[in-house]
């Protein structure tokens, strides 16, 4: 499943190549079937990480995406990724809050690395920008009915009508299910759950309509739509995924695949015939063919291709290695290819720049999405803007306000009256103001 891929680029270097210079080597993945060869390049995938004995650190790796502790180039010298760093995401969420003039928000975050590290950057940036935090609650990673009830009650009773949730959806779900009838809140979603609309029932649409968030960009990969249209199990005999693709696309089952799983046949089982017509599907407008992760893998593959081309084009005496040497193309070392991968800077076939910064991260580019309630009561994630970390200060965020559907189907930015509480020392003052006019705080001090 694409949602399980790690959209990053990893270059594996065996320990014997590293010698004793651990910082210059990659701390390779455990050997698994298909990934045990010296110098394997791995694009996507989930695997455990082992460490050189001199570096006994054991970080946690998110299954959805790598956490930002991988920015430590002593521990992960050859870790690169094509999905933006969460630092950019936190910065983008702050810009989103500031864009609408919201100064009184609640914050929820998971207790894993993604939530802890992301919310720390987010909270510090919000406070530095003059935004007050009404509450900051940590979502437990293990089931805890009592804790979920406490958090749900805080969200329901808080005067903050804007709630930012920096978490995977699995940790947020119990809280949302507890407040299913709550309306009037504006949810700000992190990338981990900003496009998960299908999980909500029609009864929950009123609560979640108007949600805003940042999402990994959904870019149409050249040739991908044509590829999907031409996939057919009866003609794509060498494609081991074609039958599964067909079943998930048309909601049917191939008899041979179904029986192989040992599942019992029931009267309502719909069998695939091969006569189903993929041309009837608008591939660009359905979440089934969401290409957010696909585009990251696409860029990773091209980064490797450009690096190989650059290495192949090296002129003797003008190389990047000792004594200006070039790599031996017939027997180059993985760390030599890594040197070229780090330096790639190209424009892909869509006209977009791709490069890695000193941390091995690409530019911080995101879609701004908004949840709309469709006529049939379901929710859809609609792009209403974009975020670009490369833009000049103050111009990173671009939003089409007219395209936003707010909670309760309002057409303008909500401007309800709020109670603001800012504290400093033992004293506290409160002031009721309109959200649009909220630019003065009464701050108690000693």
Protein backbone atom coordinates (compact mmCIF):
# COMPACT_ATOMS: atom_id res chain seq x y z
CA UNK A 1 0.00 0.00 0.00
CA UNK A 2 1.31 3.42 -0.94
CA UNK A 3 0.28 4.85 2.42
CA UNK A 4 2.84 2.56 4.05
CA UNK A 5 5.78 3.66 1.96
CA UNK A 6 8.48 5.77 3.54
CA UNK A 7 8.91 8.53 0.93
CA UNK A 8 12.62 8.86 1.48
CA UNK A 9 15.84 7.90 -0.22
CA UNK A 10 18.25 5.67 1.67
CA UNK A 11 21.71 4.63 0.50
CA UNK A 12 23.07 1.55 2.23
CA UNK A 13 26.81 1.23 2.82
CA UNK A 14 28.17 -1.97 4.41
CA UNK A 15 30.22 -1.55 7.62
CA UNK A 16 33.39 -3.00 6.09
CA UNK A 17 33.50 -0.12 3.59
CA UNK A 18 33.26 2.39 6.44
CA UNK A 19 36.30 1.19 8.33
CA UNK A 20 36.57 3.00 11.63
CA UNK A 21 35.18 6.30 10.42
CA UNK A 22 31.59 5.84 11.59
CA UNK A 23 30.37 9.40 10.93
CA UNK A 24 31.20 9.06 7.23
CA UNK A 25 29.21 5.89 6.77
CA UNK A 26 25.60 4.91 6.59
CA UNK A 27 24.24 2.91 9.50
CA UNK A 28 22.61 0.34 7.34
CA UNK A 29 19.27 -1.37 7.54
CA UNK A 30 19.05 -4.90 8.83
CA UNK A 31 19.47 -7.33 6.01
CA UNK A 32 16.14 -8.48 4.65
CA UNK A 33 15.19 -10.51 1.61
CA UNK A 34 15.85 -8.41 -1.46
CA UNK A 35 17.78 -5.69 0.39
CA UNK A 36 20.96 -7.44 1.47
CA UNK A 37 23.27 -6.45 -1.37
CA UNK A 38 26.18 -4.10 -0.75
CA UNK A 39 25.30 -0.58 -1.83
CA UNK A 40 21.57 -1.14 -2.26
CA UNK A 41 19.61 2.03 -2.78
CA UNK A 42 16.25 1.82 -1.08
CA UNK A 43 13.41 4.07 -2.12
CA UNK A 44 10.34 3.56 0.03
CA UNK A 45 9.84 0.71 2.43
CA UNK A 46 9.78 0.24 6.18
CA UNK A 47 12.52 -1.51 8.03
CA UNK A 48 14.34 -1.54 11.36
CA UNK A 49 17.56 0.42 11.69
CA UNK A 50 20.72 -0.96 13.25
CA UNK A 51 23.59 1.12 14.51
CA UNK A 52 27.35 1.07 14.59
CA UNK A 53 28.56 -0.05 18.02
CA UNK A 54 30.06 3.40 18.58
CA UNK A 55 26.65 5.00 18.23
CA UNK A 56 24.25 3.11 20.55
CA UNK A 57 21.24 5.31 19.82
CA UNK A 58 17.91 3.74 18.92
CA UNK A 59 15.42 6.25 17.48
CA UNK A 60 11.86 5.51 16.48
CA UNK A 61 10.95 5.55 12.82
CA UNK A 62 7.47 6.64 11.83
CA UNK A 63 5.78 4.22 9.42
CA UNK A 64 4.16 7.09 7.55
CA UNK A 65 7.24 9.24 7.21
CA UNK A 66 10.66 9.65 8.86
CA UNK A 67 10.75 11.72 12.03
CA UNK A 68 13.04 14.73 12.18
CA UNK A 69 15.63 13.11 14.45
CA UNK A 70 16.96 11.74 11.15
CA UNK A 71 18.27 15.27 10.53
CA UNK A 72 21.18 14.29 12.78
CA UNK A 73 23.85 13.61 10.18
CA UNK A 74 26.20 11.96 12.67
CA UNK A 75 23.69 9.17 13.27
CA UNK A 76 22.16 9.20 9.78
CA UNK A 77 24.81 10.57 7.41
CA UNK A 78 23.21 9.13 4.28
CA UNK A 79 19.55 9.70 5.05
CA UNK A 80 17.73 11.86 2.52
CA UNK A 81 14.03 12.31 1.86
CA UNK A 82 11.73 13.74 -0.73
CA UNK A 83 8.93 14.60 1.70
CA UNK A 84 9.39 17.92 3.54
CA UNK A 85 10.72 18.12 7.07
CA UNK A 86 8.15 18.54 9.84
CA UNK A 87 9.85 21.81 10.73
CA UNK A 88 8.44 23.22 7.50
CA UNK A 89 5.06 21.70 8.31
CA UNK A 90 4.94 23.32 11.75
CA UNK A 91 5.97 26.65 10.24
CA UNK A 92 3.25 26.31 7.60
CA UNK A 93 0.57 25.58 10.20
CA UNK A 94 1.60 28.70 12.12
CA UNK A 95 1.29 30.75 8.93
CA UNK A 96 -2.15 29.23 8.38
CA UNK A 97 -3.33 30.24 11.85
CA UNK A 98 -1.91 33.76 11.47
CA UNK A 99 -3.43 34.17 8.02
CA UNK A 100 -6.93 34.11 9.49
CA UNK A 101 -6.05 36.22 12.51
CA UNK A 102 -6.69 33.49 15.06
CA UNK A 103 -4.93 34.30 18.33
CA UNK A 104 -6.55 31.83 20.75
CA UNK A 105 -6.12 28.17 19.84
CA UNK A 106 -6.07 24.73 21.41
CA UNK A 107 -3.36 22.19 20.62
CA UNK A 108 -3.49 18.39 20.56
CA UNK A 109 -0.46 16.24 19.82
CA UNK A 110 0.45 12.56 19.83
CA UNK A 111 2.95 11.30 22.37
CA UNK A 112 5.15 9.73 19.69
CA UNK A 113 8.16 11.42 18.06
CA UNK A 114 6.03 12.91 15.31
CA UNK A 115 3.67 14.60 17.74
CA UNK A 116 6.19 15.58 20.41
CA UNK A 117 8.81 17.07 18.09
CA UNK A 118 6.29 18.66 15.73
CA UNK A 119 4.13 20.21 18.44
CA UNK A 120 7.19 21.56 20.23
CA UNK A 121 8.22 23.54 17.16
CA UNK A 122 4.60 24.49 16.49
CA UNK A 123 3.91 25.70 20.02
CA UNK A 124 7.10 27.75 20.24
CA UNK A 125 6.39 29.38 16.88
CA UNK A 126 2.77 30.15 17.77
CA UNK A 127 3.73 31.80 21.05
CA UNK A 128 6.54 33.74 19.38
CA UNK A 129 3.99 35.02 16.84
CA UNK A 130 1.63 36.32 19.52
CA UNK A 131 -0.81 33.40 19.46
CA UNK A 132 -2.04 32.16 22.85
CA UNK A 133 -2.41 28.46 23.63
CA UNK A 134 -5.71 27.77 25.42
CA UNK A 135 -4.69 24.18 26.13
CA UNK A 136 -2.10 21.65 24.99
CA UNK A 137 -3.09 18.03 25.54
CA UNK A 138 -1.11 14.92 24.65
CA UNK A 139 -3.04 12.13 22.94
CA UNK A 140 -2.12 8.74 24.43
CA UNK A 141 -0.64 6.17 22.07
CA UNK A 142 -2.32 3.32 23.94
CA UNK A 143 -6.07 2.98 24.62
CA UNK A 144 -7.11 5.03 27.63
CA UNK A 145 -10.82 5.72 27.92
CA UNK A 146 -10.42 7.96 30.95
CA UNK A 147 -7.70 10.06 29.33
CA UNK A 148 -9.64 10.38 26.09
CA UNK A 149 -12.72 11.48 28.01
CA UNK A 150 -10.73 14.17 29.81
CA UNK A 151 -9.30 15.51 26.55
CA UNK A 152 -12.70 15.42 24.85
CA UNK A 153 -14.24 17.43 27.69
CA UNK A 154 -11.44 20.01 27.49
CA UNK A 155 -12.02 20.46 23.76
CA UNK A 156 -15.79 20.77 24.22
CA UNK A 157 -15.68 23.27 27.07
CA UNK A 158 -12.74 25.40 25.96
CA UNK A 159 -13.46 28.91 24.70
CA UNK A 160 -10.92 28.30 21.93
CA UNK A 161 -12.81 27.58 18.72
CA UNK A 162 -9.69 26.67 16.77
CA UNK A 163 -7.98 23.35 17.55
CA UNK A 164 -4.68 22.34 15.95
CA UNK A 165 -4.05 18.58 15.98
CA UNK A 166 -0.47 17.48 15.26
CA UNK A 167 -0.93 13.74 15.31
CA UNK A 168 -1.53 10.60 13.34
CA UNK A 169 -5.27 10.04 12.98
CA UNK A 170 -5.23 6.80 15.00
CA UNK A 171 -4.42 8.75 18.18
CA UNK A 172 -6.90 11.53 17.45
CA UNK A 173 -9.80 9.27 16.49
CA UNK A 174 -11.01 8.34 20.04
CA UNK A 175 -11.32 12.02 20.95
CA UNK A 176 -13.23 12.90 17.79
CA UNK A 177 -15.56 9.96 18.30
CA UNK A 178 -16.35 11.26 21.80
CA UNK A 179 -17.43 14.68 20.52
CA UNK A 180 -19.29 13.57 17.43
CA UNK A 181 -22.09 16.13 17.83
CA UNK A 182 -19.82 19.10 18.54
CA UNK A 183 -19.99 21.90 15.96
CA UNK A 184 -18.54 25.37 15.75
CA UNK A 185 -14.93 24.26 16.16
CA UNK A 186 -12.38 24.75 13.42
CA UNK A 187 -9.92 21.87 13.16
CA UNK A 188 -6.42 22.46 11.83
CA UNK A 189 -4.93 19.19 10.61
CA UNK A 190 -1.30 18.19 10.32
CA UNK A 191 -0.16 16.34 7.21
CA UNK A 192 -0.68 12.95 8.88
CA UNK A 193 -4.50 13.20 8.79
CA UNK A 194 -5.36 16.19 6.59
CA UNK A 195 -6.74 14.08 3.73
CA UNK A 196 -8.41 11.25 5.67
CA UNK A 197 -12.03 12.18 5.00
CA UNK A 198 -13.50 8.80 4.08
CA UNK A 199 -13.29 7.53 7.68
CA UNK A 200 -16.05 9.89 8.80
CA UNK A 201 -19.74 9.01 8.55
CA UNK A 202 -22.35 11.39 7.20
CA UNK A 203 -23.44 12.10 10.78
CA UNK A 204 -19.97 13.47 11.52
CA UNK A 205 -19.79 15.76 8.51
CA UNK A 206 -21.25 18.76 10.35
CA UNK A 207 -18.50 18.53 12.95
CA UNK A 208 -15.58 18.20 10.54
CA UNK A 209 -16.68 20.41 7.64
CA UNK A 210 -14.37 23.39 7.39
CA UNK A 211 -11.27 21.53 8.59
CA UNK A 212 -8.09 23.11 7.23
CA UNK A 213 -4.69 21.51 6.98
CA UNK A 214 -1.44 20.99 5.16
CA UNK A 215 -1.00 17.99 2.90
CA UNK A 216 1.85 16.55 0.91
CA UNK A 217 1.32 17.88 -2.58
CA UNK A 218 -0.93 15.90 -4.90
CA UNK A 219 0.86 16.17 -8.22
CA UNK A 220 -0.11 14.24 -11.32
CA UNK A 221 2.93 12.12 -12.18
CA UNK A 222 3.45 12.12 -15.97
CA UNK A 223 2.16 8.91 -17.52
CA UNK A 224 0.64 7.58 -14.29
CA UNK A 225 -2.97 8.03 -15.35
CA UNK A 226 -2.33 6.30 -18.67
CA UNK A 227 -0.58 3.50 -16.81
CA UNK A 228 -3.57 2.93 -14.54
CA UNK A 229 -5.97 2.93 -17.47
CA UNK A 230 -3.93 0.28 -19.28
CA UNK A 231 -3.49 -2.06 -16.31
CA UNK A 232 -5.46 -5.26 -16.85
CA UNK A 233 -4.94 -8.60 -15.06
CA UNK A 234 -5.57 -10.57 -18.26
CA UNK A 235 -2.90 -8.71 -20.22
CA UNK A 236 -0.51 -7.55 -17.49
CA UNK A 237 0.52 -11.10 -16.65
CA UNK A 238 3.89 -10.13 -15.17
CA UNK A 239 2.40 -7.51 -12.85
CA UNK A 240 1.83 -9.21 -9.51
CA UNK A 241 -0.27 -6.29 -8.25
CA UNK A 242 -2.66 -5.99 -11.20
CA UNK A 243 -5.34 -8.27 -9.72
CA UNK A 244 -5.28 -6.50 -6.36
CA UNK A 245 -5.45 -3.14 -8.14
CA UNK A 246 -8.43 -4.31 -10.16
CA UNK A 247 -10.27 -5.61 -7.09
CA UNK A 248 -9.81 -2.40 -5.12
CA UNK A 249 -10.76 -0.23 -8.08
CA UNK A 250 -13.98 -2.02 -9.01
CA UNK A 251 -14.99 -3.60 -5.71
CA UNK A 252 -14.97 -7.15 -7.05
CA UNK A 253 -12.94 -10.32 -6.44
CA UNK A 254 -11.05 -12.62 -8.78
CA UNK A 255 -12.09 -16.18 -8.01
CA UNK A 256 -8.53 -17.51 -8.14
CA UNK A 257 -7.26 -14.84 -5.72
CA UNK A 258 -10.27 -15.13 -3.45
CA UNK A 259 -10.01 -18.90 -3.08
CA UNK A 260 -6.25 -18.69 -2.50
CA UNK A 261 -6.88 -16.63 0.63
CA UNK A 262 -9.11 -19.35 2.06
CA UNK A 263 -12.02 -16.93 2.46
CA UNK A 264 -15.54 -18.36 2.41
CA UNK A 265 -17.64 -17.57 -0.63
CA UNK A 266 -20.90 -15.79 0.19
CA UNK A 267 -23.87 -15.04 -2.05
CA UNK A 268 -23.13 -11.32 -2.11
CA UNK A 269 -19.58 -11.79 -3.41
CA UNK A 270 -19.12 -9.88 -6.65
CA UNK A 271 -16.75 -11.59 -9.04
CA UNK A 272 -14.45 -9.75 -11.42
CA UNK A 273 -14.96 -10.55 -15.10
CA UNK A 274 -12.30 -8.37 -16.71
CA UNK A 275 -15.01 -6.47 -18.57
CA UNK A 276 -15.03 -3.62 -16.06
CA UNK A 277 -14.06 -0.35 -17.72
CA UNK A 278 -11.39 1.79 -16.07
CA UNK A 279 -12.02 4.53 -18.62
CA UNK A 280 -15.22 5.26 -16.72
CA UNK A 281 -13.20 6.49 -13.75
CA UNK A 282 -11.94 10.03 -13.40
CA UNK A 283 -8.57 9.01 -12.01
CA UNK A 284 -7.49 12.55 -11.29
CA UNK A 285 -10.50 13.29 -9.08
CA UNK A 286 -10.66 10.29 -6.81
CA UNK A 287 -8.75 9.59 -3.62
CA UNK A 288 -8.14 6.06 -4.84
CA UNK A 289 -5.48 7.49 -7.12
CA UNK A 290 -4.05 10.05 -4.75
CA UNK A 291 -0.52 10.63 -6.03
CA UNK A 292 0.92 12.49 -3.03
CA UNK A 293 3.33 9.71 -2.05
CA UNK A 294 3.80 8.58 -5.64
CA UNK A 295 5.21 11.99 -6.56
CA UNK A 296 7.75 11.79 -3.73
CA UNK A 297 8.94 8.40 -4.95
CA UNK A 298 9.06 9.77 -8.50
CA UNK A 299 11.40 12.57 -7.39
CA UNK A 300 13.55 10.12 -5.41
CA UNK A 301 14.06 7.91 -8.46
CA UNK A 302 14.99 10.88 -10.61
CA UNK A 303 17.40 12.12 -7.94
CA UNK A 304 19.27 8.81 -8.21
CA UNK A 305 19.14 8.96 -12.02
CA UNK A 306 20.57 12.49 -12.08
CA UNK A 307 23.29 11.49 -9.62
CA UNK A 308 24.30 8.52 -11.77
CA UNK A 309 24.35 10.71 -14.87
CA UNK A 310 26.51 13.32 -13.13
CA UNK A 311 28.92 10.64 -11.94
CA UNK A 312 29.07 9.20 -15.46
CA UNK A 313 29.82 12.67 -16.87
CA UNK A 314 32.80 13.24 -14.56
CA UNK A 315 35.89 14.46 -16.46
CA UNK A 316 39.18 12.85 -15.33
CA UNK A 317 41.06 15.31 -13.16
CA UNK A 318 37.89 17.24 -12.37
CA UNK A 319 36.21 14.87 -9.94
CA UNK A 320 34.97 15.64 -6.43
CA UNK A 321 37.17 13.13 -4.63
CA UNK A 322 40.79 13.15 -3.39
CA UNK A 323 43.22 14.50 -6.00
CA UNK A 324 40.20 15.49 -8.12
CA UNK A 325 39.56 11.88 -9.02
CA UNK A 326 36.34 10.55 -10.52
CA UNK A 327 34.60 7.41 -9.36
CA UNK A 328 35.36 4.16 -11.16
CA UNK A 329 32.11 3.59 -13.03
CA UNK A 330 32.69 -0.15 -13.15
CA UNK A 331 33.36 -0.41 -9.43
CA UNK A 332 32.25 2.73 -7.60
CA UNK A 333 31.57 2.75 -3.89
CA UNK A 334 28.12 3.61 -2.47
CA UNK A 335 29.48 6.62 -0.58
CA UNK A 336 30.72 8.02 -3.88
CA UNK A 337 27.23 7.87 -5.37
CA UNK A 338 25.87 9.42 -2.19
CA UNK A 339 28.18 12.39 -2.77
CA UNK A 340 26.43 13.02 -6.09
CA UNK A 341 22.92 12.41 -4.75
CA UNK A 342 23.39 15.04 -2.07
CA UNK A 343 24.34 17.60 -4.72
CA UNK A 344 21.54 16.98 -7.23
CA UNK A 345 19.65 20.06 -8.33
CA UNK A 346 17.36 19.55 -11.28
CA UNK A 347 14.04 20.57 -12.77
CA UNK A 348 11.73 17.59 -13.23
CA UNK A 349 9.37 16.98 -16.12
CA UNK A 350 6.68 19.05 -14.39
CA UNK A 351 8.97 22.06 -14.32
CA UNK A 352 9.59 21.87 -10.56
CA UNK A 353 12.94 22.22 -8.81
CA UNK A 354 14.23 19.30 -6.80
CA UNK A 355 17.25 19.44 -4.49
CA UNK A 356 18.35 18.55 -0.97
CA UNK A 357 19.48 20.99 1.71
CA UNK A 358 22.30 20.34 4.20
CA UNK A 359 19.97 18.10 6.21
CA UNK A 360 19.00 16.03 3.18
CA UNK A 361 15.55 17.62 3.00
CA UNK A 362 13.71 18.97 -0.07
CA UNK A 363 11.97 22.37 -0.16
CA UNK A 364 8.95 22.73 2.12
CA UNK A 365 6.06 22.53 -0.33
CA UNK A 366 2.51 21.66 0.75
CA UNK A 367 -1.08 21.86 -0.44
CA UNK A 368 -3.51 23.72 1.81
CA UNK A 369 -6.65 21.57 1.97
CA UNK A 370 -10.17 22.26 3.21
CA UNK A 371 -12.85 19.70 4.01
CA UNK A 372 -16.08 20.21 2.11
CA UNK A 373 -19.41 18.54 2.74
CA UNK A 374 -20.70 17.10 -0.51
CA UNK A 375 -24.41 17.03 -1.48
CA UNK A 376 -24.64 13.38 -0.40
CA UNK A 377 -23.34 14.23 3.08
CA UNK A 378 -19.84 12.81 2.65
CA UNK A 379 -16.64 14.78 3.14
CA UNK A 380 -13.99 15.58 0.56
CA UNK A 381 -10.55 17.15 0.86
CA UNK A 382 -10.25 20.09 -1.54
CA UNK A 383 -7.11 22.05 -2.34
CA UNK A 384 -7.64 25.74 -1.53
CA UNK A 385 -4.08 27.01 -1.45
CA UNK A 386 -0.39 26.22 -1.15
CA UNK A 387 2.63 26.74 1.07
CA UNK A 388 6.15 27.30 -0.27
CA UNK A 389 9.01 27.72 2.20
CA UNK A 390 11.19 29.22 -0.55
CA UNK A 391 8.94 32.25 -1.02
CA UNK A 392 9.92 35.64 0.45
CA UNK A 393 8.86 36.19 4.09
CA UNK A 394 5.17 36.95 4.28
CA UNK A 395 4.43 35.33 0.93
CA UNK A 396 4.89 31.66 1.78
CA UNK A 397 1.15 31.01 2.05
CA UNK A 398 -1.31 31.45 -0.80
CA UNK A 399 -5.02 30.81 -0.15
CA UNK A 400 -8.16 31.15 -2.23
CA UNK A 401 -10.54 32.31 0.51
CA UNK A 402 -13.57 32.03 -1.78
CA UNK A 403 -12.99 28.29 -2.15
CA UNK A 404 -13.14 27.61 1.59
CA UNK A 405 -16.22 25.99 3.10
CA UNK A 406 -16.42 26.74 6.81
CA UNK A 407 -18.08 24.78 9.57
CA UNK A 408 -21.88 25.07 9.48
CA UNK A 409 -21.39 26.12 5.82
CA UNK A 410 -20.44 29.70 6.59
CA UNK A 411 -18.93 31.57 3.66
CA UNK A 412 -16.68 33.91 5.65
CA UNK A 413 -13.93 33.41 8.20
CA UNK A 414 -15.65 32.73 11.56
CA UNK A 415 -15.43 35.76 13.86
CA UNK A 416 -17.10 34.61 17.04
CA UNK A 417 -16.50 36.21 20.42
CA UNK A 418 -13.86 34.47 22.48
CA UNK A 419 -12.44 34.64 25.98
CA UNK A 420 -8.70 35.16 25.92
CA UNK A 421 -6.54 34.24 28.89
CA UNK A 422 -2.88 35.16 28.90
CA UNK A 423 -0.83 34.51 31.98
CA UNK A 424 2.49 35.69 33.30
CA UNK A 425 3.21 34.99 36.93
CA UNK A 426 0.30 34.47 39.35
CA UNK A 427 -2.04 37.07 37.84
CA UNK A 428 -4.43 36.54 34.96
CA UNK A 429 -6.67 38.89 33.01
CA UNK A 430 -9.45 38.10 30.59
CA UNK A 431 -10.92 40.05 27.71
CA UNK A 432 -13.85 39.29 25.40
CA UNK A 433 -13.07 40.36 21.85
CA UNK A 434 -13.95 39.56 18.28
CA UNK A 435 -11.43 37.24 16.68
CA UNK A 436 -10.87 39.77 13.88
CA UNK A 437 -10.14 42.52 16.39
CA UNK A 438 -7.97 40.42 18.64
CA UNK A 439 -4.75 42.39 18.63
CA UNK A 440 -4.44 43.56 22.25
CA UNK A 441 -3.84 41.23 25.17
CA UNK A 442 -4.12 42.04 28.85
CA UNK A 443 -1.20 40.27 30.38
CA UNK A 444 -0.89 40.10 34.14
CA UNK A 445 2.57 40.44 35.59
CA UNK A 446 4.22 40.82 38.94
